[in-house]
mmCIF file of all heavy atoms, coordinates in Angstrom:
data_MODEL
# 
_entry.id   MODEL 
# 
loop_
_atom_site.group_PDB 
_atom_site.id 
_atom_site.type_symbol 
_atom_site.label_atom_id 
_atom_site.label_alt_id 
_atom_site.label_comp_id 
_atom_site.label_asym_id 
_atom_site.label_entity_id 
_atom_site.label_seq_id 
_atom_site.pdbx_PDB_ins_code 
_atom_site.Cartn_x 
_atom_site.Cartn_y 
_atom_site.Cartn_z 
_atom_site.occupancy 
_atom_site.B_iso_or_equiv 
_atom_site.pdbx_formal_charge 
_atom_site.auth_seq_id 
_atom_site.auth_comp_id 
_atom_site.auth_asym_id 
_atom_site.auth_atom_id 
_atom_site.pdbx_PDB_model_num 
ATOM 1   N N   . SER A 1 1  ? 15.654  -15.166 -4.248  1.00 0.00 ? 1  SER A N   1 
ATOM 2   C CA  . SER A 1 1  ? 14.893  -15.750 -5.352  1.00 0.00 ? 1  SER A CA  1 
ATOM 3   C C   . SER A 1 1  ? 15.773  -15.970 -6.575  1.00 0.00 ? 1  SER A C   1 
ATOM 4   O O   . SER A 1 1  ? 15.587  -16.933 -7.324  1.00 0.00 ? 1  SER A O   1 
ATOM 5   C CB  . SER A 1 1  ? 13.700  -14.855 -5.713  1.00 0.00 ? 1  SER A CB  1 
ATOM 6   O OG  . SER A 1 1  ? 14.140  -13.634 -6.244  1.00 0.00 ? 1  SER A OG  1 
ATOM 7   N N   . LEU A 1 2  ? 16.735  -15.069 -6.810  1.00 0.00 ? 2  LEU A N   1 
ATOM 8   C CA  . LEU A 1 2  ? 17.649  -15.251 -7.926  1.00 0.00 ? 2  LEU A CA  1 
ATOM 9   C C   . LEU A 1 2  ? 18.500  -16.502 -7.727  1.00 0.00 ? 2  LEU A C   1 
ATOM 10  O O   . LEU A 1 2  ? 18.763  -17.253 -8.667  1.00 0.00 ? 2  LEU A O   1 
ATOM 11  C CB  . LEU A 1 2  ? 18.536  -14.019 -8.088  1.00 0.00 ? 2  LEU A CB  1 
ATOM 12  C CG  . LEU A 1 2  ? 17.840  -12.769 -8.638  1.00 0.00 ? 2  LEU A CG  1 
ATOM 13  C CD1 . LEU A 1 2  ? 18.775  -11.570 -8.562  1.00 0.00 ? 2  LEU A CD1 1 
ATOM 14  C CD2 . LEU A 1 2  ? 17.368  -12.994 -10.064 1.00 0.00 ? 2  LEU A CD2 1 
ATOM 15  N N   . ARG A 1 3  ? 18.938  -16.728 -6.497  1.00 0.00 ? 3  ARG A N   1 
ATOM 16  C CA  . ARG A 1 3  ? 19.737  -17.926 -6.218  1.00 0.00 ? 3  ARG A CA  1 
ATOM 17  C C   . ARG A 1 3  ? 18.907  -19.193 -6.388  1.00 0.00 ? 3  ARG A C   1 
ATOM 18  O O   . ARG A 1 3  ? 19.390  -20.203 -6.885  1.00 0.00 ? 3  ARG A O   1 
ATOM 19  C CB  . ARG A 1 3  ? 20.311  -17.862 -4.794  1.00 0.00 ? 3  ARG A CB  1 
ATOM 20  C CG  . ARG A 1 3  ? 21.423  -16.841 -4.616  1.00 0.00 ? 3  ARG A CG  1 
ATOM 21  C CD  . ARG A 1 3  ? 22.161  -17.068 -3.315  1.00 0.00 ? 3  ARG A CD  1 
ATOM 22  N NE  . ARG A 1 3  ? 21.309  -16.964 -2.158  1.00 0.00 ? 3  ARG A NE  1 
ATOM 23  C CZ  . ARG A 1 3  ? 21.052  -15.842 -1.506  1.00 0.00 ? 3  ARG A CZ  1 
ATOM 24  N NH1 . ARG A 1 3  ? 21.578  -14.694 -1.932  1.00 0.00 ? 3  ARG A NH1 1 
ATOM 25  N NH2 . ARG A 1 3  ? 20.268  -15.833 -0.434  1.00 0.00 ? 3  ARG A NH2 1 
ATOM 26  N N   . ARG A 1 4  ? 17.631  -19.114 -5.975  1.00 0.00 ? 4  ARG A N   1 
ATOM 27  C CA  . ARG A 1 4  ? 16.779  -20.306 -6.031  1.00 0.00 ? 4  ARG A CA  1 
ATOM 28  C C   . ARG A 1 4  ? 16.070  -20.457 -7.371  1.00 0.00 ? 4  ARG A C   1 
ATOM 29  O O   . ARG A 1 4  ? 15.459  -21.483 -7.635  1.00 0.00 ? 4  ARG A O   1 
ATOM 30  C CB  . ARG A 1 4  ? 15.705  -20.222 -4.934  1.00 0.00 ? 4  ARG A CB  1 
ATOM 31  C CG  . ARG A 1 4  ? 16.261  -20.212 -3.519  1.00 0.00 ? 4  ARG A CG  1 
ATOM 32  C CD  . ARG A 1 4  ? 15.127  -20.005 -2.543  1.00 0.00 ? 4  ARG A CD  1 
ATOM 33  N NE  . ARG A 1 4  ? 15.596  -19.996 -1.164  1.00 0.00 ? 4  ARG A NE  1 
ATOM 34  C CZ  . ARG A 1 4  ? 14.795  -19.764 -0.123  1.00 0.00 ? 4  ARG A CZ  1 
ATOM 35  N NH1 . ARG A 1 4  ? 13.519  -19.505 -0.317  1.00 0.00 ? 4  ARG A NH1 1 
ATOM 36  N NH2 . ARG A 1 4  ? 15.287  -19.779 1.103   1.00 0.00 ? 4  ARG A NH2 1 
ATOM 37  N N   . SER A 1 5  ? 16.117  -19.423 -8.227  1.00 0.00 ? 5  SER A N   1 
ATOM 38  C CA  . SER A 1 5  ? 15.396  -19.368 -9.490  1.00 0.00 ? 5  SER A CA  1 
ATOM 39  C C   . SER A 1 5  ? 13.882  -19.342 -9.287  1.00 0.00 ? 5  SER A C   1 
ATOM 40  O O   . SER A 1 5  ? 13.123  -19.562 -10.227 1.00 0.00 ? 5  SER A O   1 
ATOM 41  C CB  . SER A 1 5  ? 15.758  -20.577 -10.391 1.00 0.00 ? 5  SER A CB  1 
ATOM 42  O OG  . SER A 1 5  ? 17.128  -20.547 -10.679 1.00 0.00 ? 5  SER A OG  1 
ATOM 43  N N   . ARG A 1 6  ? 13.400  -19.094 -8.081  1.00 0.00 ? 6  ARG A N   1 
ATOM 44  C CA  . ARG A 1 6  ? 11.975  -19.014 -7.789  1.00 0.00 ? 6  ARG A CA  1 
ATOM 45  C C   . ARG A 1 6  ? 11.765  -18.103 -6.592  1.00 0.00 ? 6  ARG A C   1 
ATOM 46  O O   . ARG A 1 6  ? 12.617  -18.033 -5.697  1.00 0.00 ? 6  ARG A O   1 
ATOM 47  C CB  . ARG A 1 6  ? 11.383  -20.388 -7.436  1.00 0.00 ? 6  ARG A CB  1 
ATOM 48  C CG  . ARG A 1 6  ? 11.183  -21.328 -8.600  1.00 0.00 ? 6  ARG A CG  1 
ATOM 49  C CD  . ARG A 1 6  ? 10.001  -20.907 -9.465  1.00 0.00 ? 6  ARG A CD  1 
ATOM 50  N NE  . ARG A 1 6  ? 9.756   -21.869 -10.529 1.00 0.00 ? 6  ARG A NE  1 
ATOM 51  C CZ  . ARG A 1 6  ? 10.335  -21.829 -11.713 1.00 0.00 ? 6  ARG A CZ  1 
ATOM 52  N NH1 . ARG A 1 6  ? 11.225  -20.877 -11.983 1.00 0.00 ? 6  ARG A NH1 1 
ATOM 53  N NH2 . ARG A 1 6  ? 10.046  -22.725 -12.631 1.00 0.00 ? 6  ARG A NH2 1 
ATOM 54  N N   . THR A 1 7  ? 10.624  -17.403 -6.562  1.00 0.00 ? 7  THR A N   1 
ATOM 55  C CA  . THR A 1 7  ? 10.230  -16.690 -5.353  1.00 0.00 ? 7  THR A CA  1 
ATOM 56  C C   . THR A 1 7  ? 9.441   -17.645 -4.469  1.00 0.00 ? 7  THR A C   1 
ATOM 57  O O   . THR A 1 7  ? 9.235   -18.806 -4.810  1.00 0.00 ? 7  THR A O   1 
ATOM 58  C CB  . THR A 1 7  ? 9.338   -15.480 -5.696  1.00 0.00 ? 7  THR A CB  1 
ATOM 59  O OG1 . THR A 1 7  ? 8.095   -15.965 -6.217  1.00 0.00 ? 7  THR A OG1 1 
ATOM 60  C CG2 . THR A 1 7  ? 10.000  -14.575 -6.716  1.00 0.00 ? 7  THR A CG2 1 
ATOM 61  N N   . SER A 1 8  ? 8.978   -17.140 -3.335  1.00 0.00 ? 8  SER A N   1 
ATOM 62  C CA  . SER A 1 8  ? 8.093   -17.936 -2.478  1.00 0.00 ? 8  SER A CA  1 
ATOM 63  C C   . SER A 1 8  ? 6.657   -17.460 -2.644  1.00 0.00 ? 8  SER A C   1 
ATOM 64  O O   . SER A 1 8  ? 5.846   -17.583 -1.730  1.00 0.00 ? 8  SER A O   1 
ATOM 65  C CB  . SER A 1 8  ? 8.529   -17.810 -1.014  1.00 0.00 ? 8  SER A CB  1 
ATOM 66  O OG  . SER A 1 8  ? 8.491   -16.453 -0.604  1.00 0.00 ? 8  SER A OG  1 
ATOM 67  N N   . LEU A 1 9  ? 6.335   -16.916 -3.829  1.00 0.00 ? 9  LEU A N   1 
ATOM 68  C CA  . LEU A 1 9  ? 5.007   -16.363 -4.088  1.00 0.00 ? 9  LEU A CA  1 
ATOM 69  C C   . LEU A 1 9  ? 4.222   -17.246 -5.049  1.00 0.00 ? 9  LEU A C   1 
ATOM 70  O O   . LEU A 1 9  ? 4.778   -17.826 -5.984  1.00 0.00 ? 9  LEU A O   1 
ATOM 71  C CB  . LEU A 1 9  ? 5.115   -14.967 -4.692  1.00 0.00 ? 9  LEU A CB  1 
ATOM 72  C CG  . LEU A 1 9  ? 5.775   -13.878 -3.846  1.00 0.00 ? 9  LEU A CG  1 
ATOM 73  C CD1 . LEU A 1 9  ? 5.886   -12.599 -4.662  1.00 0.00 ? 9  LEU A CD1 1 
ATOM 74  C CD2 . LEU A 1 9  ? 4.985   -13.643 -2.571  1.00 0.00 ? 9  LEU A CD2 1 
ATOM 75  N N   . TRP A 1 10 ? 2.918   -17.335 -4.814  1.00 0.00 ? 10 TRP A N   1 
ATOM 76  C CA  . TRP A 1 10 ? 1.992   -17.931 -5.762  1.00 0.00 ? 10 TRP A CA  1 
ATOM 77  C C   . TRP A 1 10 ? 1.144   -16.828 -6.376  1.00 0.00 ? 10 TRP A C   1 
ATOM 78  O O   . TRP A 1 10 ? 0.700   -15.917 -5.668  1.00 0.00 ? 10 TRP A O   1 
ATOM 79  C CB  . TRP A 1 10 ? 1.043   -18.913 -5.092  1.00 0.00 ? 10 TRP A CB  1 
ATOM 80  C CG  . TRP A 1 10 ? 1.652   -20.165 -4.590  1.00 0.00 ? 10 TRP A CG  1 
ATOM 81  C CD1 . TRP A 1 10 ? 2.939   -20.586 -4.739  1.00 0.00 ? 10 TRP A CD1 1 
ATOM 82  C CD2 . TRP A 1 10 ? 0.970   -21.180 -3.840  1.00 0.00 ? 10 TRP A CD2 1 
ATOM 83  N NE1 . TRP A 1 10 ? 3.117   -21.800 -4.124  1.00 0.00 ? 10 TRP A NE1 1 
ATOM 84  C CE2 . TRP A 1 10 ? 1.913   -22.190 -3.568  1.00 0.00 ? 10 TRP A CE2 1 
ATOM 85  C CE3 . TRP A 1 10 ? -0.326  -21.338 -3.378  1.00 0.00 ? 10 TRP A CE3 1 
ATOM 86  C CZ2 . TRP A 1 10 ? 1.588   -23.341 -2.850  1.00 0.00 ? 10 TRP A CZ2 1 
ATOM 87  C CZ3 . TRP A 1 10 ? -0.660  -22.473 -2.662  1.00 0.00 ? 10 TRP A CZ3 1 
ATOM 88  C CH2 . TRP A 1 10 ? 0.294   -23.475 -2.406  1.00 0.00 ? 10 TRP A CH2 1 
ATOM 89  N N   . ALA A 1 11 ? 0.888   -16.914 -7.663  1.00 0.00 ? 11 ALA A N   1 
ATOM 90  C CA  . ALA A 1 11 ? -0.104  -16.053 -8.300  1.00 0.00 ? 11 ALA A CA  1 
ATOM 91  C C   . ALA A 1 11 ? -1.424  -16.824 -8.366  1.00 0.00 ? 11 ALA A C   1 
ATOM 92  O O   . ALA A 1 11 ? -1.450  -17.969 -8.827  1.00 0.00 ? 11 ALA A O   1 
ATOM 93  C CB  . ALA A 1 11 ? 0.341   -15.652 -9.699  1.00 0.00 ? 11 ALA A CB  1 
ATOM 94  N N   . VAL A 1 12 ? -2.487  -16.211 -7.876  1.00 0.00 ? 12 VAL A N   1 
ATOM 95  C CA  . VAL A 1 12 ? -3.826  -16.782 -8.006  1.00 0.00 ? 12 VAL A CA  1 
ATOM 96  C C   . VAL A 1 12 ? -4.598  -15.861 -8.945  1.00 0.00 ? 12 VAL A C   1 
ATOM 97  O O   . VAL A 1 12 ? -4.967  -14.746 -8.580  1.00 0.00 ? 12 VAL A O   1 
ATOM 98  C CB  . VAL A 1 12 ? -4.528  -16.903 -6.642  1.00 0.00 ? 12 VAL A CB  1 
ATOM 99  C CG1 . VAL A 1 12 ? -5.935  -17.475 -6.826  1.00 0.00 ? 12 VAL A CG1 1 
ATOM 100 C CG2 . VAL A 1 12 ? -3.718  -17.799 -5.713  1.00 0.00 ? 12 VAL A CG2 1 
ATOM 101 N N   . ILE A 1 13 ? -4.800  -16.326 -10.174 1.00 0.00 ? 13 ILE A N   1 
ATOM 102 C CA  . ILE A 1 13 ? -5.455  -15.521 -11.206 1.00 0.00 ? 13 ILE A CA  1 
ATOM 103 C C   . ILE A 1 13 ? -6.912  -15.959 -11.303 1.00 0.00 ? 13 ILE A C   1 
ATOM 104 O O   . ILE A 1 13 ? -7.206  -17.068 -11.767 1.00 0.00 ? 13 ILE A O   1 
ATOM 105 C CB  . ILE A 1 13 ? -4.747  -15.672 -12.565 1.00 0.00 ? 13 ILE A CB  1 
ATOM 106 C CG1 . ILE A 1 13 ? -3.253  -15.350 -12.430 1.00 0.00 ? 13 ILE A CG1 1 
ATOM 107 C CG2 . ILE A 1 13 ? -5.398  -14.785 -13.616 1.00 0.00 ? 13 ILE A CG2 1 
ATOM 108 C CD1 . ILE A 1 13 ? -2.439  -15.622 -13.694 1.00 0.00 ? 13 ILE A CD1 1 
ATOM 109 N N   . ILE A 1 14 ? -7.818  -15.107 -10.834 1.00 0.00 ? 14 ILE A N   1 
ATOM 110 C CA  . ILE A 1 14 ? -9.239  -15.427 -10.860 1.00 0.00 ? 14 ILE A CA  1 
ATOM 111 C C   . ILE A 1 14 ? -9.925  -14.612 -11.949 1.00 0.00 ? 14 ILE A C   1 
ATOM 112 O O   . ILE A 1 14 ? -9.423  -13.589 -12.399 1.00 0.00 ? 14 ILE A O   1 
ATOM 113 C CB  . ILE A 1 14 ? -9.904  -15.192 -9.496  1.00 0.00 ? 14 ILE A CB  1 
ATOM 114 C CG1 . ILE A 1 14 ? -9.783  -13.728 -9.081  1.00 0.00 ? 14 ILE A CG1 1 
ATOM 115 C CG2 . ILE A 1 14 ? -9.283  -16.113 -8.449  1.00 0.00 ? 14 ILE A CG2 1 
ATOM 116 C CD1 . ILE A 1 14 ? -10.527 -13.409 -7.806  1.00 0.00 ? 14 ILE A CD1 1 
ATOM 117 N N   . SER A 1 15 ? -11.115 -15.055 -12.342 1.00 0.00 ? 15 SER A N   1 
ATOM 118 C CA  . SER A 1 15 ? -11.771 -14.431 -13.489 1.00 0.00 ? 15 SER A CA  1 
ATOM 119 C C   . SER A 1 15 ? -12.609 -13.219 -13.125 1.00 0.00 ? 15 SER A C   1 
ATOM 120 O O   . SER A 1 15 ? -12.910 -12.402 -13.995 1.00 0.00 ? 15 SER A O   1 
ATOM 121 C CB  . SER A 1 15 ? -12.642 -15.466 -14.217 1.00 0.00 ? 15 SER A CB  1 
ATOM 122 O OG  . SER A 1 15 ? -13.522 -16.107 -13.317 1.00 0.00 ? 15 SER A OG  1 
ATOM 123 N N   . ASP A 1 16 ? -13.015 -13.067 -11.857 1.00 0.00 ? 16 ASP A N   1 
ATOM 124 C CA  . ASP A 1 16 ? -13.844 -11.919 -11.492 1.00 0.00 ? 16 ASP A CA  1 
ATOM 125 C C   . ASP A 1 16 ? -13.765 -11.685 -9.993  1.00 0.00 ? 16 ASP A C   1 
ATOM 126 O O   . ASP A 1 16 ? -14.423 -12.375 -9.211  1.00 0.00 ? 16 ASP A O   1 
ATOM 127 C CB  . ASP A 1 16 ? -15.299 -12.144 -11.919 1.00 0.00 ? 16 ASP A CB  1 
ATOM 128 C CG  . ASP A 1 16 ? -16.183 -10.922 -11.672 1.00 0.00 ? 16 ASP A CG  1 
ATOM 129 O OD1 . ASP A 1 16 ? -15.665 -9.896  -11.183 1.00 0.00 ? 16 ASP A OD1 1 
ATOM 130 O OD2 . ASP A 1 16 ? -17.388 -10.999 -11.975 1.00 0.00 ? 16 ASP A OD2 1 
ATOM 131 N N   . ILE A 1 17 ? -12.994 -10.698 -9.580  1.00 0.00 ? 17 ILE A N   1 
ATOM 132 C CA  . ILE A 1 17 ? -12.808 -10.434 -8.150  1.00 0.00 ? 17 ILE A CA  1 
ATOM 133 C C   . ILE A 1 17 ? -14.093 -9.929  -7.499  1.00 0.00 ? 17 ILE A C   1 
ATOM 134 O O   . ILE A 1 17 ? -14.256 -9.990  -6.284  1.00 0.00 ? 17 ILE A O   1 
ATOM 135 C CB  . ILE A 1 17 ? -11.665 -9.418  -7.947  1.00 0.00 ? 17 ILE A CB  1 
ATOM 136 C CG1 . ILE A 1 17 ? -11.114 -9.495  -6.518  1.00 0.00 ? 17 ILE A CG1 1 
ATOM 137 C CG2 . ILE A 1 17 ? -12.118 -7.999  -8.290  1.00 0.00 ? 17 ILE A CG2 1 
ATOM 138 C CD1 . ILE A 1 17 ? -9.839  -8.712  -6.325  1.00 0.00 ? 17 ILE A CD1 1 
ATOM 139 N N   . GLY A 1 18 ? -15.041 -9.437  -8.306  1.00 0.00 ? 18 GLY A N   1 
ATOM 140 C CA  . GLY A 1 18 ? -16.306 -8.961  -7.767  1.00 0.00 ? 18 GLY A CA  1 
ATOM 141 C C   . GLY A 1 18 ? -17.310 -10.060 -7.492  1.00 0.00 ? 18 GLY A C   1 
ATOM 142 O O   . GLY A 1 18 ? -18.372 -9.801  -6.919  1.00 0.00 ? 18 GLY A O   1 
ATOM 143 N N   . ASN A 1 19 ? -16.989 -11.291 -7.869  1.00 0.00 ? 19 ASN A N   1 
ATOM 144 C CA  . ASN A 1 19 ? -17.909 -12.409 -7.662  1.00 0.00 ? 19 ASN A CA  1 
ATOM 145 C C   . ASN A 1 19 ? -17.642 -13.045 -6.305  1.00 0.00 ? 19 ASN A C   1 
ATOM 146 O O   . ASN A 1 19 ? -16.533 -13.523 -6.049  1.00 0.00 ? 19 ASN A O   1 
ATOM 147 C CB  . ASN A 1 19 ? -17.713 -13.443 -8.774  1.00 0.00 ? 19 ASN A CB  1 
ATOM 148 C CG  . ASN A 1 19 ? -18.785 -14.516 -8.773  1.00 0.00 ? 19 ASN A CG  1 
ATOM 149 O OD1 . ASN A 1 19 ? -19.335 -14.871 -7.735  1.00 0.00 ? 19 ASN A OD1 1 
ATOM 150 N ND2 . ASN A 1 19 ? -19.077 -15.046 -9.943  1.00 0.00 ? 19 ASN A ND2 1 
ATOM 151 N N   . PRO A 1 20 ? -18.654 -13.084 -5.404  1.00 0.00 ? 20 PRO A N   1 
ATOM 152 C CA  . PRO A 1 20 ? -18.418 -13.650 -4.064  1.00 0.00 ? 20 PRO A CA  1 
ATOM 153 C C   . PRO A 1 20 ? -18.022 -15.115 -4.081  1.00 0.00 ? 20 PRO A C   1 
ATOM 154 O O   . PRO A 1 20 ? -17.493 -15.619 -3.088  1.00 0.00 ? 20 PRO A O   1 
ATOM 155 C CB  . PRO A 1 20 ? -19.758 -13.437 -3.347  1.00 0.00 ? 20 PRO A CB  1 
ATOM 156 C CG  . PRO A 1 20 ? -20.761 -13.175 -4.418  1.00 0.00 ? 20 PRO A CG  1 
ATOM 157 C CD  . PRO A 1 20 ? -20.017 -12.534 -5.547  1.00 0.00 ? 20 PRO A CD  1 
ATOM 158 N N   . PHE A 1 21 ? -18.249 -15.818 -5.200  1.00 0.00 ? 21 PHE A N   1 
ATOM 159 C CA  . PHE A 1 21 ? -17.811 -17.205 -5.311  1.00 0.00 ? 21 PHE A CA  1 
ATOM 160 C C   . PHE A 1 21 ? -16.324 -17.344 -5.020  1.00 0.00 ? 21 PHE A C   1 
ATOM 161 O O   . PHE A 1 21 ? -15.871 -18.291 -4.393  1.00 0.00 ? 21 PHE A O   1 
ATOM 162 C CB  . PHE A 1 21 ? -18.129 -17.728 -6.722  1.00 0.00 ? 21 PHE A CB  1 
ATOM 163 C CG  . PHE A 1 21 ? -17.385 -18.972 -7.108  1.00 0.00 ? 21 PHE A CG  1 
ATOM 164 C CD1 . PHE A 1 21 ? -17.801 -20.216 -6.670  1.00 0.00 ? 21 PHE A CD1 1 
ATOM 165 C CD2 . PHE A 1 21 ? -16.257 -18.910 -7.913  1.00 0.00 ? 21 PHE A CD2 1 
ATOM 166 C CE1 . PHE A 1 21 ? -17.108 -21.368 -7.025  1.00 0.00 ? 21 PHE A CE1 1 
ATOM 167 C CE2 . PHE A 1 21 ? -15.564 -20.045 -8.273  1.00 0.00 ? 21 PHE A CE2 1 
ATOM 168 C CZ  . PHE A 1 21 ? -15.995 -21.286 -7.832  1.00 0.00 ? 21 PHE A CZ  1 
ATOM 169 N N   . PHE A 1 22 ? -15.531 -16.357 -5.481  1.00 0.00 ? 22 PHE A N   1 
ATOM 170 C CA  . PHE A 1 22 ? -14.083 -16.470 -5.377  1.00 0.00 ? 22 PHE A CA  1 
ATOM 171 C C   . PHE A 1 22 ? -13.553 -16.117 -3.989  1.00 0.00 ? 22 PHE A C   1 
ATOM 172 O O   . PHE A 1 22 ? -12.417 -16.446 -3.668  1.00 0.00 ? 22 PHE A O   1 
ATOM 173 C CB  . PHE A 1 22 ? -13.408 -15.602 -6.430  1.00 0.00 ? 22 PHE A CB  1 
ATOM 174 C CG  . PHE A 1 22 ? -13.563 -16.129 -7.825  1.00 0.00 ? 22 PHE A CG  1 
ATOM 175 C CD1 . PHE A 1 22 ? -14.436 -15.538 -8.725  1.00 0.00 ? 22 PHE A CD1 1 
ATOM 176 C CD2 . PHE A 1 22 ? -12.852 -17.245 -8.237  1.00 0.00 ? 22 PHE A CD2 1 
ATOM 177 C CE1 . PHE A 1 22 ? -14.586 -16.032 -9.999  1.00 0.00 ? 22 PHE A CE1 1 
ATOM 178 C CE2 . PHE A 1 22 ? -12.991 -17.755 -9.516  1.00 0.00 ? 22 PHE A CE2 1 
ATOM 179 C CZ  . PHE A 1 22 ? -13.871 -17.139 -10.405 1.00 0.00 ? 22 PHE A CZ  1 
ATOM 180 N N   . THR A 1 23 ? -14.336 -15.443 -3.169  1.00 0.00 ? 23 THR A N   1 
ATOM 181 C CA  . THR A 1 23 ? -13.846 -15.018 -1.859  1.00 0.00 ? 23 THR A CA  1 
ATOM 182 C C   . THR A 1 23 ? -13.446 -16.208 -1.006  1.00 0.00 ? 23 THR A C   1 
ATOM 183 O O   . THR A 1 23 ? -12.327 -16.290 -0.481  1.00 0.00 ? 23 THR A O   1 
ATOM 184 C CB  . THR A 1 23 ? -14.916 -14.184 -1.133  1.00 0.00 ? 23 THR A CB  1 
ATOM 185 O OG1 . THR A 1 23 ? -15.318 -13.096 -1.963  1.00 0.00 ? 23 THR A OG1 1 
ATOM 186 C CG2 . THR A 1 23 ? -14.385 -13.663 0.188   1.00 0.00 ? 23 THR A CG2 1 
ATOM 187 N N   . SER A 1 24 ? -14.376 -17.139 -0.849  1.00 0.00 ? 24 SER A N   1 
ATOM 188 C CA  . SER A 1 24 ? -14.095 -18.324 -0.040  1.00 0.00 ? 24 SER A CA  1 
ATOM 189 C C   . SER A 1 24 ? -13.062 -19.226 -0.700  1.00 0.00 ? 24 SER A C   1 
ATOM 190 O O   . SER A 1 24 ? -12.226 -19.828 -0.021  1.00 0.00 ? 24 SER A O   1 
ATOM 191 C CB  . SER A 1 24 ? -15.398 -19.098 0.202   1.00 0.00 ? 24 SER A CB  1 
ATOM 192 O OG  . SER A 1 24 ? -15.180 -20.240 0.991   1.00 0.00 ? 24 SER A OG  1 
ATOM 193 N N   . MET A 1 25 ? -13.095 -19.292 -2.016  1.00 0.00 ? 25 MET A N   1 
ATOM 194 C CA  . MET A 1 25 ? -12.131 -20.126 -2.730  1.00 0.00 ? 25 MET A CA  1 
ATOM 195 C C   . MET A 1 25 ? -10.697 -19.655 -2.496  1.00 0.00 ? 25 MET A C   1 
ATOM 196 O O   . MET A 1 25 ? -9.794  -20.450 -2.205  1.00 0.00 ? 25 MET A O   1 
ATOM 197 C CB  . MET A 1 25 ? -12.450 -20.108 -4.221  1.00 0.00 ? 25 MET A CB  1 
ATOM 198 C CG  . MET A 1 25 ? -11.654 -21.111 -5.036  1.00 0.00 ? 25 MET A CG  1 
ATOM 199 S SD  . MET A 1 25 ? -11.702 -20.737 -6.788  1.00 0.00 ? 25 MET A SD  1 
ATOM 200 C CE  . MET A 1 25 ? -10.443 -19.448 -6.877  1.00 0.00 ? 25 MET A CE  1 
ATOM 201 N N   . VAL A 1 26 ? -10.480 -18.342 -2.604  1.00 0.00 ? 26 VAL A N   1 
ATOM 202 C CA  . VAL A 1 26 ? -9.137  -17.795 -2.400  1.00 0.00 ? 26 VAL A CA  1 
ATOM 203 C C   . VAL A 1 26 ? -8.697  -17.982 -0.957  1.00 0.00 ? 26 VAL A C   1 
ATOM 204 O O   . VAL A 1 26 ? -7.512  -18.229 -0.685  1.00 0.00 ? 26 VAL A O   1 
ATOM 205 C CB  . VAL A 1 26 ? -9.092  -16.308 -2.810  1.00 0.00 ? 26 VAL A CB  1 
ATOM 206 C CG1 . VAL A 1 26 ? -7.766  -15.673 -2.422  1.00 0.00 ? 26 VAL A CG1 1 
ATOM 207 C CG2 . VAL A 1 26 ? -9.312  -16.165 -4.316  1.00 0.00 ? 26 VAL A CG2 1 
# 
């Protein structure tokens, strides 16, 4: 990642992990 200046990871920042709406979306 240092060589590429990027990892192979995405951050998915959701507003409420307890809301079932986000389960299918993620």
